[in-house]
Amino acid sequence: MPVQLTIYIREGCHLCEDMEQALREYATELDFETRRVPIDNNAELETAYGDKVPVLVYGDQELCHYFLDLQALRRVCG
C-alpha cells in the first residue's frame, strides 16, 4: 500500500512546481501518493505554512519545505 503524503502549495509557486516534479520522479520507485493542498484562502493553513511552501508532510510530521529532502522521503517510504 502506498505511503500517503500531503504537499501544501500555493498556486503559481515555482518552488512548489519544482518539488511536485521531483516527487513525480520518485513516486513509483518509493511507492507513495501525494495529495496537493493549496493554502491560498485558508487562514489556518496560511498561518501554519505560509512562509514555508511547498511543505511535504507525512501524517503530522513535516518532512521538508522549499526543496525535496530525498533522505527524509526515503525514510518514511521504507
N, C-alpha and C. Protein backbone atom coordinates (compact mmCIF):
# COMPACT_ATOMS: atom_id res chain seq x y z
N MET A 1 0.85 -1.18 0.00
CA MET A 1 0.00 0.00 0.00
C MET A 1 0.89 1.24 0.00
N PRO A 2 0.63 2.18 -0.89
CA PRO A 2 1.47 3.38 -0.98
C PRO A 2 1.40 4.24 0.28
N VAL A 3 2.52 4.85 0.61
CA VAL A 3 2.58 5.83 1.70
C VAL A 3 1.82 7.08 1.24
N GLN A 4 1.01 7.64 2.13
CA GLN A 4 0.21 8.82 1.82
C GLN A 4 0.92 10.08 2.33
N LEU A 5 1.24 10.98 1.41
CA LEU A 5 1.90 12.24 1.74
C LEU A 5 0.99 13.40 1.36
N THR A 6 1.20 14.53 2.00
CA THR A 6 0.49 15.76 1.66
C THR A 6 1.52 16.82 1.33
N ILE A 7 1.26 17.56 0.25
CA ILE A 7 2.12 18.69 -0.09
C ILE A 7 1.26 19.95 -0.06
N TYR A 8 1.65 20.89 0.79
CA TYR A 8 0.97 22.17 0.89
C TYR A 8 1.64 23.13 -0.09
N ILE A 9 0.83 23.76 -0.92
CA ILE A 9 1.34 24.58 -2.02
C ILE A 9 0.59 25.89 -2.12
N ARG A 10 1.13 26.77 -2.94
CA ARG A 10 0.44 27.97 -3.41
C ARG A 10 0.36 27.85 -4.92
N GLU A 11 -0.74 28.29 -5.48
CA GLU A 11 -0.87 28.31 -6.93
C GLU A 11 0.13 29.31 -7.49
N GLY A 12 0.80 28.94 -8.58
CA GLY A 12 1.77 29.83 -9.22
C GLY A 12 3.12 29.88 -8.54
N CYS A 13 3.37 28.99 -7.60
CA CYS A 13 4.64 28.96 -6.85
C CYS A 13 5.64 28.08 -7.59
N HIS A 14 6.74 28.67 -8.04
CA HIS A 14 7.71 27.87 -8.80
C HIS A 14 8.42 26.83 -7.94
N LEU A 15 8.66 27.11 -6.67
CA LEU A 15 9.25 26.10 -5.79
C LEU A 15 8.30 24.92 -5.59
N CYS A 16 7.01 25.23 -5.53
CA CYS A 16 6.00 24.17 -5.40
C CYS A 16 6.02 23.27 -6.63
N GLU A 17 6.06 23.89 -7.79
CA GLU A 17 6.11 23.13 -9.04
C GLU A 17 7.37 22.27 -9.10
N ASP A 18 8.49 22.82 -8.66
CA ASP A 18 9.75 22.07 -8.65
C ASP A 18 9.67 20.85 -7.73
N MET A 19 9.10 21.03 -6.53
CA MET A 19 9.00 19.91 -5.61
C MET A 19 8.04 18.85 -6.14
N GLU A 20 6.93 19.29 -6.72
CA GLU A 20 5.99 18.33 -7.28
C GLU A 20 6.63 17.52 -8.41
N GLN A 21 7.42 18.16 -9.24
CA GLN A 21 8.12 17.45 -10.31
C GLN A 21 9.11 16.44 -9.72
N ALA A 22 9.86 16.85 -8.72
CA ALA A 22 10.81 15.93 -8.07
C ALA A 22 10.07 14.74 -7.46
N LEU A 23 8.92 14.99 -6.85
CA LEU A 23 8.14 13.90 -6.27
C LEU A 23 7.65 12.93 -7.34
N ARG A 24 7.21 13.44 -8.47
CA ARG A 24 6.76 12.57 -9.57
C ARG A 24 7.88 11.63 -10.01
N GLU A 25 9.10 12.11 -9.99
CA GLU A 25 10.24 11.30 -10.42
C GLU A 25 10.49 10.10 -9.49
N TYR A 26 10.08 10.19 -8.24
CA TYR A 26 10.34 9.12 -7.27
C TYR A 26 9.09 8.35 -6.85
N ALA A 27 7.91 8.73 -7.32
CA ALA A 27 6.66 8.14 -6.85
C ALA A 27 6.58 6.63 -7.04
N THR A 28 6.97 6.14 -8.19
CA THR A 28 6.89 4.71 -8.46
C THR A 28 7.96 3.94 -7.69
N GLU A 29 9.17 4.45 -7.73
CA GLU A 29 10.29 3.78 -7.05
C GLU A 29 10.05 3.65 -5.55
N LEU A 30 9.51 4.69 -4.92
CA LEU A 30 9.36 4.70 -3.47
C LEU A 30 7.94 4.38 -3.00
N ASP A 31 7.02 4.17 -3.93
CA ASP A 31 5.64 3.76 -3.62
C ASP A 31 4.93 4.70 -2.65
N PHE A 32 4.67 5.91 -3.12
CA PHE A 32 3.90 6.87 -2.34
C PHE A 32 2.91 7.59 -3.25
N GLU A 33 1.90 8.16 -2.62
CA GLU A 33 0.94 9.02 -3.30
C GLU A 33 0.94 10.37 -2.60
N THR A 34 0.71 11.41 -3.38
CA THR A 34 0.75 12.77 -2.84
C THR A 34 -0.59 13.46 -3.04
N ARG A 35 -1.07 14.06 -1.98
CA ARG A 35 -2.29 14.87 -2.04
C ARG A 35 -1.87 16.33 -2.02
N ARG A 36 -2.29 17.09 -3.04
CA ARG A 36 -1.98 18.52 -3.13
C ARG A 36 -3.01 19.31 -2.34
N VAL A 37 -2.54 20.23 -1.51
CA VAL A 37 -3.44 21.09 -0.74
C VAL A 37 -3.00 22.54 -0.90
N PRO A 38 -3.75 23.31 -1.71
CA PRO A 38 -3.44 24.74 -1.82
C PRO A 38 -3.76 25.44 -0.50
N ILE A 39 -2.87 26.32 -0.06
CA ILE A 39 -3.11 27.03 1.20
C ILE A 39 -3.74 28.40 0.98
N ASP A 40 -3.80 28.83 -0.27
CA ASP A 40 -4.40 30.14 -0.56
C ASP A 40 -5.84 30.16 -0.05
N ASN A 41 -6.23 31.26 0.54
CA ASN A 41 -7.60 31.47 1.03
C ASN A 41 -7.99 30.56 2.19
N ASN A 42 -7.02 30.03 2.92
CA ASN A 42 -7.29 29.24 4.10
C ASN A 42 -6.42 29.80 5.23
N ALA A 43 -7.03 30.58 6.11
CA ALA A 43 -6.28 31.30 7.14
C ALA A 43 -5.46 30.38 8.02
N GLU A 44 -6.01 29.24 8.40
CA GLU A 44 -5.29 28.31 9.27
C GLU A 44 -4.04 27.75 8.59
N LEU A 45 -4.18 27.34 7.33
CA LEU A 45 -3.03 26.81 6.59
C LEU A 45 -2.03 27.91 6.26
N GLU A 46 -2.53 29.11 5.98
CA GLU A 46 -1.63 30.26 5.72
C GLU A 46 -0.75 30.52 6.94
N THR A 47 -1.35 30.46 8.12
CA THR A 47 -0.60 30.69 9.35
C THR A 47 0.43 29.59 9.57
N ALA A 48 0.03 28.35 9.33
CA ALA A 48 0.92 27.22 9.58
C ALA A 48 2.05 27.11 8.56
N TYR A 49 1.74 27.37 7.28
CA TYR A 49 2.70 27.07 6.22
C TYR A 49 3.04 28.22 5.29
N GLY A 50 2.45 29.38 5.50
CA GLY A 50 2.56 30.49 4.55
C GLY A 50 3.96 30.87 4.13
N ASP A 51 4.90 30.88 5.06
CA ASP A 51 6.27 31.30 4.75
C ASP A 51 7.16 30.15 4.28
N LYS A 52 6.62 28.92 4.28
CA LYS A 52 7.48 27.77 4.03
C LYS A 52 7.12 26.95 2.79
N VAL A 53 6.07 27.29 2.07
CA VAL A 53 5.65 26.44 0.95
C VAL A 53 6.72 26.33 -0.11
N PRO A 54 6.79 25.18 -0.75
CA PRO A 54 5.98 23.99 -0.50
C PRO A 54 6.44 23.25 0.77
N VAL A 55 5.48 22.58 1.39
CA VAL A 55 5.78 21.80 2.60
C VAL A 55 5.27 20.38 2.36
N LEU A 56 6.14 19.40 2.54
CA LEU A 56 5.78 18.00 2.38
C LEU A 56 5.59 17.39 3.76
N VAL A 57 4.44 16.74 3.96
CA VAL A 57 4.06 16.24 5.28
C VAL A 57 3.66 14.77 5.18
N TYR A 58 4.07 14.01 6.19
CA TYR A 58 3.67 12.62 6.35
C TYR A 58 2.97 12.53 7.70
N GLY A 59 1.66 12.27 7.69
CA GLY A 59 0.89 12.30 8.93
C GLY A 59 0.95 13.69 9.52
N ASP A 60 1.50 13.82 10.72
CA ASP A 60 1.67 15.15 11.33
C ASP A 60 3.14 15.56 11.35
N GLN A 61 3.97 14.85 10.61
CA GLN A 61 5.41 15.10 10.57
C GLN A 61 5.79 15.87 9.31
N GLU A 62 6.36 17.05 9.49
CA GLU A 62 6.86 17.83 8.35
C GLU A 62 8.17 17.21 7.89
N LEU A 63 8.20 16.76 6.64
CA LEU A 63 9.41 16.12 6.10
C LEU A 63 10.39 17.14 5.55
N CYS A 64 9.87 18.15 4.85
CA CYS A 64 10.75 19.16 4.26
C CYS A 64 9.92 20.33 3.77
N HIS A 65 10.61 21.43 3.51
CA HIS A 65 9.96 22.58 2.89
C HIS A 65 10.96 23.24 1.94
N TYR A 66 10.44 24.01 1.02
CA TYR A 66 11.19 24.66 -0.07
C TYR A 66 11.69 23.66 -1.10
N PHE A 67 12.51 22.68 -0.66
CA PHE A 67 13.11 21.71 -1.59
C PHE A 67 12.90 20.30 -1.06
N LEU A 68 12.82 19.33 -1.95
CA LEU A 68 12.63 17.95 -1.56
C LEU A 68 13.85 17.42 -0.81
N ASP A 69 13.60 16.83 0.35
CA ASP A 69 14.64 16.15 1.13
C ASP A 69 14.48 14.66 0.83
N LEU A 70 15.27 14.17 -0.09
CA LEU A 70 15.15 12.79 -0.54
C LEU A 70 15.42 11.79 0.58
N GLN A 71 16.34 12.10 1.47
CA GLN A 71 16.62 11.19 2.59
C GLN A 71 15.40 11.06 3.50
N ALA A 72 14.74 12.17 3.79
CA ALA A 72 13.53 12.13 4.62
C ALA A 72 12.43 11.35 3.92
N LEU A 73 12.29 11.54 2.62
CA LEU A 73 11.28 10.82 1.85
C LEU A 73 11.58 9.32 1.87
N ARG A 74 12.81 8.95 1.65
CA ARG A 74 13.18 7.53 1.68
C ARG A 74 12.94 6.91 3.06
N ARG A 75 13.17 7.69 4.12
CA ARG A 75 12.96 7.20 5.48
C ARG A 75 11.50 6.79 5.70
N VAL A 76 10.56 7.62 5.28
CA VAL A 76 9.15 7.32 5.54
C VAL A 76 8.59 6.28 4.57
N CYS A 77 9.22 6.15 3.42
CA CYS A 77 8.73 5.19 2.43
C CYS A 77 9.36 3.81 2.59
N GLY A 78 10.35 3.73 3.48
CA GLY A 78 10.99 2.45 3.76
C GLY A 78 11.91 2.07 2.68
